[in-house]
Amino acid sequence: MIQTATPISKRRRVHLWTYDEMSAKLPETNQPIELWDGELVMGDAPTPKHQASVGELFVALRNFVKANKLGRVFPSPIDVVLSQRRVVQPDIVFVSIAKQSIIQDAIRGVPDLVVEIISTGSWRRDTIDKRALYQQHGVQEYWIVDPEAASVEVLTLKDGEFQLLGRFGKTQTARSALLKGFKIRVADILE
């Protein structure tokens, strides 16, 4: 007697994408699309308040970096390809002069500094999942802007782990350890 296994339930196969395949097959869009272990993760379009915060911090950071000839700063949407199956679109990315070769058709490698501004529904992804991802890949500094808590958390990489440089409230001035001399009032980012 030959026994055959009958599936209890048919599992739907999830297509695992690579960045190059995604770029070739999907149309260009401004909607946030990231790859997480090869699975497409689509986010909602950012709100005007979110984009205003991105704009304020981006302009201040870009002006500082440009004036000091330190590298390049990019606002989202821009793909950061950490591996073929791990691609994120941080709100702001800084790439130092030393790493300019990673600026190609996307950022293909690890940027020096990354900023995420928490949106509705992205708290866990930004504060836990992406924090672990950026730490694992060696991002030197990670800024988490939390409009709900009216705070900016600045994390710096030391011995392969993020350490809290500071949690700055709305009446305080956030500062960078990586970009010596860069600081910005939290209220300016959030208003």
N, C-alpha and C. Protein backbone atom coordinates (compact mmCIF):
# COMPACT_ATOMS: atom_id res chain seq x y z
N MET A 1 0.84 -1.17 0.00
CA MET A 1 0.00 0.00 0.00
C MET A 1 0.89 1.24 0.00
N ILE A 2 0.64 2.12 -0.91
CA ILE A 2 1.41 3.36 -1.01
C ILE A 2 0.60 4.48 -0.39
N GLN A 3 1.26 5.17 0.52
CA GLN A 3 0.57 6.31 1.14
C GLN A 3 1.05 7.59 0.49
N THR A 4 0.13 8.46 0.28
CA THR A 4 0.49 9.78 -0.24
C THR A 4 0.03 10.82 0.77
N ALA A 5 0.86 11.79 0.92
CA ALA A 5 0.53 12.87 1.87
C ALA A 5 -0.46 13.82 1.21
N THR A 6 -1.48 14.11 1.92
CA THR A 6 -2.42 15.11 1.43
C THR A 6 -2.21 16.37 2.23
N PRO A 7 -2.02 17.46 1.53
CA PRO A 7 -1.77 18.71 2.24
C PRO A 7 -2.97 19.12 3.07
N ILE A 8 -2.69 19.52 4.30
CA ILE A 8 -3.75 20.01 5.17
C ILE A 8 -4.29 21.33 4.62
N SER A 9 -3.39 22.17 4.23
CA SER A 9 -3.82 23.41 3.59
C SER A 9 -2.76 23.79 2.57
N LYS A 10 -3.19 24.35 1.51
CA LYS A 10 -2.24 24.78 0.49
C LYS A 10 -1.68 26.14 0.90
N ARG A 11 -0.37 26.18 1.02
CA ARG A 11 0.27 27.44 1.38
C ARG A 11 0.48 28.26 0.12
N ARG A 12 0.11 29.51 0.23
CA ARG A 12 0.31 30.42 -0.88
C ARG A 12 1.79 30.80 -0.90
N ARG A 13 2.42 30.64 -2.00
CA ARG A 13 3.83 30.99 -2.11
C ARG A 13 3.95 32.50 -2.28
N VAL A 14 4.80 33.07 -1.48
CA VAL A 14 5.07 34.49 -1.56
C VAL A 14 6.29 34.67 -2.45
N HIS A 15 6.16 35.55 -3.43
CA HIS A 15 7.29 35.82 -4.31
C HIS A 15 8.31 36.67 -3.56
N LEU A 16 9.55 36.21 -3.51
CA LEU A 16 10.61 36.98 -2.87
C LEU A 16 11.37 37.72 -3.95
N TRP A 17 11.37 39.03 -3.83
CA TRP A 17 11.96 39.91 -4.82
C TRP A 17 13.42 40.21 -4.49
N THR A 18 14.17 40.55 -5.53
CA THR A 18 15.47 41.18 -5.34
C THR A 18 15.29 42.63 -5.75
N TYR A 19 16.21 43.48 -5.33
CA TYR A 19 16.10 44.89 -5.70
C TYR A 19 16.17 45.08 -7.21
N ASP A 20 17.10 44.40 -7.85
CA ASP A 20 17.24 44.57 -9.30
C ASP A 20 15.99 44.11 -10.03
N GLU A 21 15.37 43.03 -9.58
CA GLU A 21 14.13 42.55 -10.19
C GLU A 21 12.99 43.55 -9.96
N MET A 22 12.90 44.05 -8.73
CA MET A 22 11.86 45.03 -8.40
C MET A 22 12.01 46.28 -9.27
N SER A 23 13.23 46.75 -9.43
CA SER A 23 13.49 47.96 -10.23
C SER A 23 13.12 47.76 -11.69
N ALA A 24 13.38 46.56 -12.19
CA ALA A 24 13.11 46.27 -13.60
C ALA A 24 11.63 46.03 -13.88
N LYS A 25 10.91 45.44 -12.93
CA LYS A 25 9.53 45.01 -13.21
C LYS A 25 8.44 45.94 -12.69
N LEU A 26 8.72 46.70 -11.65
CA LEU A 26 7.67 47.55 -11.08
C LEU A 26 7.79 48.97 -11.62
N PRO A 27 6.66 49.63 -11.86
CA PRO A 27 6.72 51.01 -12.35
C PRO A 27 7.24 51.95 -11.26
N GLU A 28 7.84 53.04 -11.68
CA GLU A 28 8.32 54.03 -10.73
C GLU A 28 7.13 54.67 -10.02
N THR A 29 7.29 54.91 -8.74
CA THR A 29 6.22 55.48 -7.94
C THR A 29 6.80 56.31 -6.82
N ASN A 30 6.01 57.24 -6.31
CA ASN A 30 6.43 58.01 -5.14
C ASN A 30 5.89 57.38 -3.86
N GLN A 31 5.09 56.33 -3.98
CA GLN A 31 4.59 55.63 -2.80
C GLN A 31 5.75 54.85 -2.18
N PRO A 32 5.90 54.92 -0.86
CA PRO A 32 7.00 54.20 -0.22
C PRO A 32 6.89 52.69 -0.42
N ILE A 33 7.94 52.11 -1.03
CA ILE A 33 8.02 50.66 -1.21
C ILE A 33 9.39 50.22 -0.73
N GLU A 34 9.40 49.27 0.20
CA GLU A 34 10.65 48.73 0.71
C GLU A 34 10.65 47.22 0.53
N LEU A 35 11.84 46.64 0.58
CA LEU A 35 11.98 45.19 0.54
C LEU A 35 12.46 44.72 1.90
N TRP A 36 11.72 43.81 2.48
CA TRP A 36 12.08 43.27 3.78
C TRP A 36 12.21 41.77 3.62
N ASP A 37 13.43 41.27 3.61
CA ASP A 37 13.70 39.85 3.34
C ASP A 37 13.05 39.40 2.04
N GLY A 38 13.06 40.27 1.04
CA GLY A 38 12.53 39.93 -0.27
C GLY A 38 11.04 40.18 -0.44
N GLU A 39 10.33 40.50 0.63
CA GLU A 39 8.90 40.79 0.53
C GLU A 39 8.68 42.29 0.37
N LEU A 40 7.76 42.64 -0.52
CA LEU A 40 7.43 44.04 -0.72
C LEU A 40 6.64 44.57 0.47
N VAL A 41 7.06 45.71 0.98
CA VAL A 41 6.35 46.37 2.07
C VAL A 41 5.97 47.75 1.56
N MET A 42 4.68 47.99 1.43
CA MET A 42 4.21 49.28 0.91
C MET A 42 3.63 50.10 2.04
N GLY A 43 4.07 51.33 2.11
CA GLY A 43 3.57 52.23 3.14
C GLY A 43 2.57 53.21 2.57
N ASP A 44 1.91 53.92 3.46
CA ASP A 44 1.00 54.97 3.04
C ASP A 44 1.79 56.19 2.61
N ALA A 45 1.19 57.00 1.78
CA ALA A 45 1.82 58.27 1.42
C ALA A 45 1.97 59.11 2.68
N PRO A 46 3.08 59.84 2.82
CA PRO A 46 3.28 60.65 4.01
C PRO A 46 2.30 61.82 4.08
N THR A 47 2.03 62.26 5.30
CA THR A 47 1.13 63.40 5.50
C THR A 47 1.89 64.71 5.29
N PRO A 48 1.17 65.80 5.07
CA PRO A 48 1.84 67.11 4.95
C PRO A 48 2.69 67.45 6.18
N LYS A 49 2.21 67.13 7.38
CA LYS A 49 2.97 67.41 8.60
C LYS A 49 4.29 66.62 8.60
N HIS A 50 4.21 65.36 8.22
CA HIS A 50 5.41 64.53 8.13
C HIS A 50 6.40 65.13 7.14
N GLN A 51 5.92 65.50 5.97
CA GLN A 51 6.79 66.04 4.94
C GLN A 51 7.38 67.39 5.34
N ALA A 52 6.62 68.17 6.11
CA ALA A 52 7.14 69.45 6.60
C ALA A 52 8.31 69.20 7.54
N SER A 53 8.20 68.18 8.40
CA SER A 53 9.30 67.83 9.29
C SER A 53 10.51 67.34 8.50
N VAL A 54 10.28 66.51 7.51
CA VAL A 54 11.36 66.05 6.64
C VAL A 54 12.05 67.25 6.00
N GLY A 55 11.25 68.16 5.48
CA GLY A 55 11.79 69.34 4.80
C GLY A 55 12.65 70.20 5.70
N GLU A 56 12.18 70.47 6.91
CA GLU A 56 12.94 71.32 7.84
C GLU A 56 14.28 70.70 8.19
N LEU A 57 14.27 69.42 8.54
CA LEU A 57 15.51 68.76 8.93
C LEU A 57 16.43 68.57 7.72
N PHE A 58 15.86 68.23 6.58
CA PHE A 58 16.66 68.05 5.36
C PHE A 58 17.40 69.33 4.99
N VAL A 59 16.70 70.46 4.97
CA VAL A 59 17.32 71.73 4.58
C VAL A 59 18.45 72.09 5.54
N ALA A 60 18.20 71.95 6.84
CA ALA A 60 19.23 72.29 7.82
C ALA A 60 20.45 71.38 7.67
N LEU A 61 20.21 70.08 7.51
CA LEU A 61 21.29 69.12 7.36
C LEU A 61 22.04 69.34 6.05
N ARG A 62 21.31 69.53 4.97
CA ARG A 62 21.95 69.75 3.67
C ARG A 62 22.81 71.00 3.69
N ASN A 63 22.29 72.09 4.27
CA ASN A 63 23.06 73.33 4.32
C ASN A 63 24.34 73.16 5.13
N PHE A 64 24.26 72.45 6.24
CA PHE A 64 25.44 72.21 7.08
C PHE A 64 26.46 71.36 6.32
N VAL A 65 26.01 70.28 5.73
CA VAL A 65 26.89 69.36 5.01
C VAL A 65 27.53 70.06 3.82
N LYS A 66 26.76 70.84 3.10
CA LYS A 66 27.26 71.55 1.92
C LYS A 66 28.29 72.61 2.32
N ALA A 67 27.98 73.39 3.34
CA ALA A 67 28.88 74.46 3.80
C ALA A 67 30.22 73.89 4.27
N ASN A 68 30.19 72.69 4.83
CA ASN A 68 31.40 72.08 5.36
C ASN A 68 32.01 71.04 4.42
N LYS A 69 31.43 70.90 3.23
CA LYS A 69 31.93 69.97 2.21
C LYS A 69 32.14 68.56 2.78
N LEU A 70 31.08 68.03 3.38
CA LEU A 70 31.17 66.74 4.06
C LEU A 70 30.63 65.56 3.26
N GLY A 71 29.82 65.83 2.23
CA GLY A 71 29.22 64.74 1.47
C GLY A 71 27.91 65.20 0.85
N ARG A 72 26.92 64.30 0.80
CA ARG A 72 25.62 64.59 0.19
C ARG A 72 24.49 64.15 1.10
N VAL A 73 23.38 64.87 1.00
CA VAL A 73 22.18 64.56 1.79
C VAL A 73 21.02 64.39 0.81
N PHE A 74 20.21 63.36 1.03
CA PHE A 74 19.08 63.06 0.16
C PHE A 74 17.80 62.91 0.97
N PRO A 75 16.69 63.49 0.48
CA PRO A 75 15.39 63.23 1.12
C PRO A 75 14.72 62.02 0.46
N SER A 76 13.76 61.45 1.14
CA SER A 76 12.98 60.36 0.59
C SER A 76 12.07 60.92 -0.52
N PRO A 77 11.66 60.15 -1.48
CA PRO A 77 11.96 58.74 -1.62
C PRO A 77 13.29 58.51 -2.34
N ILE A 78 14.14 57.73 -1.71
CA ILE A 78 15.39 57.25 -2.32
C ILE A 78 15.66 55.86 -1.75
N ASP A 79 15.97 54.95 -2.64
CA ASP A 79 16.23 53.58 -2.22
C ASP A 79 17.62 53.46 -1.62
N VAL A 80 17.69 52.81 -0.47
CA VAL A 80 18.96 52.45 0.16
C VAL A 80 19.03 50.93 0.11
N VAL A 81 19.90 50.43 -0.75
CA VAL A 81 20.03 49.00 -0.99
C VAL A 81 21.12 48.45 -0.06
N LEU A 82 20.67 47.86 1.04
CA LEU A 82 21.60 47.27 2.01
C LEU A 82 22.02 45.87 1.57
N SER A 83 21.11 45.19 0.87
CA SER A 83 21.39 43.91 0.22
C SER A 83 20.31 43.75 -0.85
N GLN A 84 20.43 42.75 -1.68
CA GLN A 84 19.44 42.56 -2.75
C GLN A 84 18.03 42.33 -2.20
N ARG A 85 17.90 41.85 -0.98
CA ARG A 85 16.58 41.59 -0.41
C ARG A 85 16.24 42.50 0.77
N ARG A 86 17.08 43.48 1.06
CA ARG A 86 16.81 44.45 2.12
C ARG A 86 17.02 45.86 1.58
N VAL A 87 15.92 46.52 1.28
CA VAL A 87 15.96 47.85 0.70
C VAL A 87 14.98 48.73 1.48
N VAL A 88 15.46 49.87 1.94
CA VAL A 88 14.62 50.78 2.72
C VAL A 88 14.63 52.16 2.07
N GLN A 89 13.67 52.97 2.47
CA GLN A 89 13.58 54.35 2.01
C GLN A 89 13.49 55.26 3.23
N PRO A 90 14.63 55.54 3.85
CA PRO A 90 14.61 56.44 5.02
C PRO A 90 14.12 57.83 4.61
N ASP A 91 13.69 58.61 5.59
CA ASP A 91 13.22 59.96 5.28
C ASP A 91 14.36 60.87 4.84
N ILE A 92 15.54 60.69 5.44
CA ILE A 92 16.72 61.48 5.07
C ILE A 92 17.95 60.57 5.17
N VAL A 93 18.88 60.75 4.23
CA VAL A 93 20.09 59.95 4.19
C VAL A 93 21.29 60.87 3.98
N PHE A 94 22.34 60.67 4.78
CA PHE A 94 23.61 61.38 4.58
C PHE A 94 24.67 60.38 4.19
N VAL A 95 25.42 60.69 3.10
CA VAL A 95 26.53 59.88 2.64
C VAL A 95 27.77 60.77 2.64
N SER A 96 28.79 60.37 3.39
CA SER A 96 30.02 61.15 3.50
C SER A 96 30.83 61.10 2.20
N ILE A 97 31.76 62.02 2.07
CA ILE A 97 32.64 62.05 0.90
C ILE A 97 33.37 60.71 0.76
N ALA A 98 33.78 60.12 1.86
CA ALA A 98 34.51 58.86 1.82
C ALA A 98 33.70 57.72 1.21
N LYS A 99 32.37 57.83 1.24
CA LYS A 99 31.50 56.76 0.74
C LYS A 99 30.75 57.15 -0.54
N GLN A 100 31.20 58.17 -1.25
CA GLN A 100 30.48 58.65 -2.43
C GLN A 100 30.25 57.58 -3.49
N SER A 101 31.09 56.55 -3.52
CA SER A 101 30.94 55.49 -4.53
C SER A 101 29.64 54.71 -4.38
N ILE A 102 28.98 54.77 -3.21
CA ILE A 102 27.71 54.04 -3.05
C ILE A 102 26.54 54.80 -3.67
N ILE A 103 26.76 56.04 -4.08
CA ILE A 103 25.70 56.82 -4.73
C ILE A 103 25.72 56.45 -6.21
N GLN A 104 24.73 55.67 -6.61
CA GLN A 104 24.63 55.20 -7.99
C GLN A 104 23.21 55.45 -8.47
N ASP A 105 22.55 54.46 -9.05
CA ASP A 105 21.14 54.59 -9.43
C ASP A 105 20.26 54.59 -8.19
N ALA A 106 20.82 54.19 -7.09
CA ALA A 106 20.23 54.20 -5.75
C ALA A 106 21.42 54.34 -4.81
N ILE A 107 21.16 54.38 -3.52
CA ILE A 107 22.26 54.31 -2.56
C ILE A 107 22.54 52.83 -2.39
N ARG A 108 23.63 52.36 -2.94
CA ARG A 108 23.96 50.93 -2.91
C ARG A 108 25.07 50.68 -1.90
N GLY A 109 24.65 50.63 -0.65
CA GLY A 109 25.58 50.43 0.44
C GLY A 109 25.05 51.11 1.68
N VAL A 110 25.90 51.23 2.68
CA VAL A 110 25.48 51.73 3.99
C VAL A 110 25.77 53.23 4.10
N PRO A 111 24.73 54.05 4.25
CA PRO A 111 24.97 55.48 4.46
C PRO A 111 25.54 55.73 5.86
N ASP A 112 26.07 56.92 6.06
CA ASP A 112 26.66 57.27 7.36
C ASP A 112 25.60 57.62 8.39
N LEU A 113 24.57 58.34 7.96
CA LEU A 113 23.52 58.81 8.87
C LEU A 113 22.17 58.62 8.20
N VAL A 114 21.20 58.17 8.99
CA VAL A 114 19.84 57.94 8.50
C VAL A 114 18.87 58.59 9.48
N VAL A 115 17.80 59.18 8.93
CA VAL A 115 16.74 59.79 9.74
C VAL A 115 15.42 59.14 9.36
N GLU A 116 14.66 58.75 10.37
CA GLU A 116 13.27 58.29 10.18
C GLU A 116 12.37 59.17 11.02
N ILE A 117 11.29 59.63 10.43
CA ILE A 117 10.28 60.40 11.15
C ILE A 117 9.08 59.49 11.30
N ILE A 118 8.72 59.19 12.52
CA ILE A 118 7.65 58.24 12.79
C ILE A 118 6.32 58.78 12.26
N SER A 119 5.63 57.91 11.53
CA SER A 119 4.29 58.21 11.01
C SER A 119 3.29 57.35 11.73
N THR A 120 2.02 57.62 11.52
CA THR A 120 0.98 56.78 12.08
C THR A 120 1.20 55.34 11.61
N GLY A 121 1.32 54.44 12.55
CA GLY A 121 1.50 53.04 12.21
C GLY A 121 2.94 52.59 11.98
N SER A 122 3.91 53.52 12.04
CA SER A 122 5.30 53.11 11.77
C SER A 122 6.18 53.07 13.02
N TRP A 123 5.59 53.25 14.20
CA TRP A 123 6.40 53.33 15.41
C TRP A 123 7.28 52.09 15.59
N ARG A 124 6.70 50.91 15.55
CA ARG A 124 7.48 49.67 15.75
C ARG A 124 8.53 49.51 14.66
N ARG A 125 8.14 49.74 13.43
CA ARG A 125 9.07 49.57 12.30
C ARG A 125 10.27 50.49 12.43
N ASP A 126 10.03 51.76 12.81
CA ASP A 126 11.12 52.74 12.90
C ASP A 126 11.97 52.58 14.15
N THR A 127 11.33 52.28 15.28
CA THR A 127 12.07 52.25 16.55
C THR A 127 12.67 50.89 16.89
N ILE A 128 12.13 49.82 16.32
CA ILE A 128 12.64 48.48 16.64
C ILE A 128 13.25 47.81 15.40
N ASP A 129 12.42 47.59 14.38
CA ASP A 129 12.88 46.84 13.21
C ASP A 129 14.00 47.56 12.45
N LYS A 130 13.77 48.81 12.11
CA LYS A 130 14.79 49.54 11.35
C LYS A 130 16.00 49.87 12.22
N ARG A 131 15.77 50.10 13.48
CA ARG A 131 16.90 50.33 14.39
C ARG A 131 17.84 49.13 14.35
N ALA A 132 17.28 47.93 14.46
CA ALA A 132 18.09 46.70 14.42
C ALA A 132 18.77 46.54 13.05
N LEU A 133 18.04 46.83 12.00
CA LEU A 133 18.60 46.71 10.64
C LEU A 133 19.77 47.66 10.45
N TYR A 134 19.59 48.93 10.82
CA TYR A 134 20.65 49.92 10.64
C TYR A 134 21.86 49.58 11.52
N GLN A 135 21.61 49.10 12.70
CA GLN A 135 22.71 48.70 13.58
C GLN A 135 23.47 47.53 12.96
N GLN A 136 22.74 46.53 12.49
CA GLN A 136 23.35 45.34 11.89
C GLN A 136 24.23 45.71 10.70
N HIS A 137 23.81 46.68 9.90
CA HIS A 137 24.55 47.05 8.69
C HIS A 137 25.62 48.12 8.94
N GLY A 138 25.66 48.68 10.14
CA GLY A 138 26.74 49.59 10.48
C GLY A 138 26.49 51.06 10.17
N VAL A 139 25.23 51.49 10.15
CA VAL A 139 24.95 52.92 10.02
C VAL A 139 25.53 53.60 11.27
N GLN A 140 26.30 54.66 11.07
CA GLN A 140 27.02 55.29 12.19
C GLN A 140 26.13 56.12 13.11
N GLU A 141 25.07 56.72 12.55
CA GLU A 141 24.18 57.54 13.39
C GLU A 141 22.76 57.43 12.86
N TYR A 142 21.82 57.29 13.79
CA TYR A 142 20.41 57.11 13.46
C TYR A 142 19.59 58.10 14.27
N TRP A 143 18.83 58.95 13.57
CA TRP A 143 17.94 59.90 14.22
C TRP A 143 16.51 59.39 14.08
N ILE A 144 15.78 59.32 15.18
CA ILE A 144 14.36 58.95 15.17
C ILE A 144 13.58 60.16 15.67
N VAL A 145 12.79 60.73 14.77
CA VAL A 145 11.97 61.89 15.11
C VAL A 145 10.57 61.38 15.43
N ASP A 146 10.08 61.68 16.63
CA ASP A 146 8.76 61.21 17.06
C ASP A 146 7.86 62.42 17.28
N PRO A 147 7.03 62.78 16.29
CA PRO A 147 6.15 63.95 16.42
C PRO A 147 5.15 63.81 17.57
N GLU A 148 4.68 62.58 17.82
CA GLU A 148 3.71 62.34 18.89
C GLU A 148 4.32 62.67 20.25
N ALA A 149 5.54 62.24 20.48
CA ALA A 149 6.24 62.49 21.75
C ALA A 149 6.98 63.82 21.74
N ALA A 150 6.95 64.51 20.60
CA ALA A 150 7.67 65.78 20.42
C ALA A 150 9.13 65.63 20.84
N SER A 151 9.78 64.61 20.25
CA SER A 151 11.17 64.35 20.61
C SER A 151 11.99 63.87 19.42
N VAL A 152 13.30 63.98 19.58
CA VAL A 152 14.26 63.44 18.62
C VAL A 152 15.24 62.60 19.42
N GLU A 153 15.39 61.35 18.99
CA GLU A 153 16.35 60.44 19.63
C GLU A 153 17.52 60.29 18.67
N VAL A 154 18.73 60.51 19.17
CA VAL A 154 19.93 60.37 18.35
C VAL A 154 20.74 59.19 18.89
N LEU A 155 20.97 58.22 18.02
CA LEU A 155 21.70 57.01 18.37
C LEU A 155 23.00 56.97 17.58
N THR A 156 24.09 56.62 18.24
CA THR A 156 25.38 56.50 17.58
C THR A 156 25.90 55.08 17.74
N LEU A 157 26.59 54.59 16.71
CA LEU A 157 27.10 53.23 16.72
C LEU A 157 28.45 53.18 17.43
N LYS A 158 28.52 52.36 18.48
CA LYS A 158 29.77 52.14 19.22
C LYS A 158 29.91 50.65 19.46
N ASP A 159 31.04 50.11 19.03
CA ASP A 159 31.31 48.68 19.17
C ASP A 159 30.18 47.82 18.61
N GLY A 160 29.63 48.25 17.46
CA GLY A 160 28.61 47.48 16.78
C GLY A 160 27.20 47.60 17.33
N GLU A 161 27.00 48.47 18.33
CA GLU A 161 25.67 48.64 18.91
C GLU A 161 25.33 50.12 19.02
N PHE A 162 24.05 50.42 18.84
CA PHE A 162 23.61 51.79 19.00
C PHE A 162 23.60 52.18 20.47
N GLN A 163 24.14 53.34 20.75
CA GLN A 163 24.11 53.94 22.08
C GLN A 163 23.32 55.24 21.97
N LEU A 164 22.57 55.56 22.98
CA LEU A 164 21.78 56.78 22.98
C LEU A 164 22.68 57.98 23.26
N LEU A 165 22.83 58.86 22.26
CA LEU A 165 23.56 60.11 22.46
C LEU A 165 22.68 61.08 23.25
N GLY A 166 21.37 61.06 22.91
CA GLY A 166 20.44 61.91 23.63
C GLY A 166 19.03 61.78 23.11
N ARG A 167 18.07 62.04 24.00
CA ARG A 167 16.66 62.13 23.64
C ARG A 167 16.29 63.58 23.92
N PHE A 168 16.03 64.31 22.85
CA PHE A 168 15.85 65.74 22.94
C PHE A 168 14.37 66.10 22.80
N GLY A 169 13.87 66.87 23.77
CA GLY A 169 12.47 67.29 23.76
C GLY A 169 12.26 68.56 22.94
N LYS A 170 11.00 68.95 22.84
CA LYS A 170 10.60 70.05 21.97
C LYS A 170 11.31 71.37 22.29
N THR A 171 11.66 71.60 23.53
CA THR A 171 12.32 72.86 23.91
C THR A 171 13.84 72.75 23.83
N GLN A 172 14.34 71.60 23.39
CA GLN A 172 15.78 71.38 23.36
C GLN A 172 16.33 71.42 21.94
N THR A 173 17.65 71.33 21.86
CA THR A 173 18.34 71.31 20.58
C THR A 173 19.01 69.96 20.40
N ALA A 174 18.64 69.26 19.32
CA ALA A 174 19.25 67.97 19.00
C ALA A 174 20.59 68.22 18.34
N ARG A 175 21.54 67.32 18.58
CA ARG A 175 22.87 67.48 18.00
C ARG A 175 23.39 66.15 17.49
N SER A 176 24.35 66.25 16.59
CA SER A 176 24.96 65.07 16.00
C SER A 176 26.35 64.86 16.57
N ALA A 177 26.73 63.60 16.78
CA ALA A 177 28.10 63.27 17.16
C ALA A 177 28.93 63.06 15.90
N LEU A 178 28.31 62.52 14.87
CA LEU A 178 29.00 62.23 13.61
C LEU A 178 29.36 63.52 12.88
N LEU A 179 28.41 64.43 12.79
CA LEU A 179 28.61 65.71 12.10
C LEU A 179 28.86 66.77 13.16
N LYS A 180 30.09 66.86 13.60
CA LYS A 180 30.47 67.78 14.68
C LYS A 180 30.01 69.20 14.36
N GLY A 181 29.24 69.77 15.29
CA GLY A 181 28.75 71.13 15.11
C GLY A 181 27.35 71.22 14.56
N PHE A 182 26.80 70.10 14.05
CA PHE A 182 25.42 70.16 13.55
C PHE A 182 24.45 70.04 14.71
N LYS A 183 23.54 71.00 14.77
CA LYS A 183 22.48 70.98 15.78
C LYS A 183 21.26 71.68 15.21
N ILE A 184 20.10 71.32 15.75
CA ILE A 184 18.85 71.91 15.30
C ILE A 184 17.83 71.85 16.44
N ARG A 185 17.08 72.91 16.58
CA ARG A 185 16.04 72.93 17.61
C ARG A 185 14.94 71.93 17.22
N VAL A 186 14.54 71.12 18.17
CA VAL A 186 13.49 70.12 17.92
C VAL A 186 12.20 70.81 17.48
N ALA A 187 11.89 71.93 18.07
CA ALA A 187 10.69 72.68 17.70
C ALA A 187 10.71 73.07 16.22
N ASP A 188 11.88 73.36 15.68
CA ASP A 188 11.99 73.71 14.25
C ASP A 188 11.66 72.53 13.35
N ILE A 189 12.00 71.33 13.80
CA ILE A 189 11.68 70.14 13.01
C ILE A 189 10.19 69.85 13.05
N LEU A 190 9.57 70.06 14.20
CA LEU A 190 8.18 69.63 14.41
C LEU A 190 7.14 70.66 14.02
N GLU A 191 7.53 71.90 13.80
CA GLU A 191 6.52 72.93 13.50
C GLU A 191 6.44 73.22 12.02
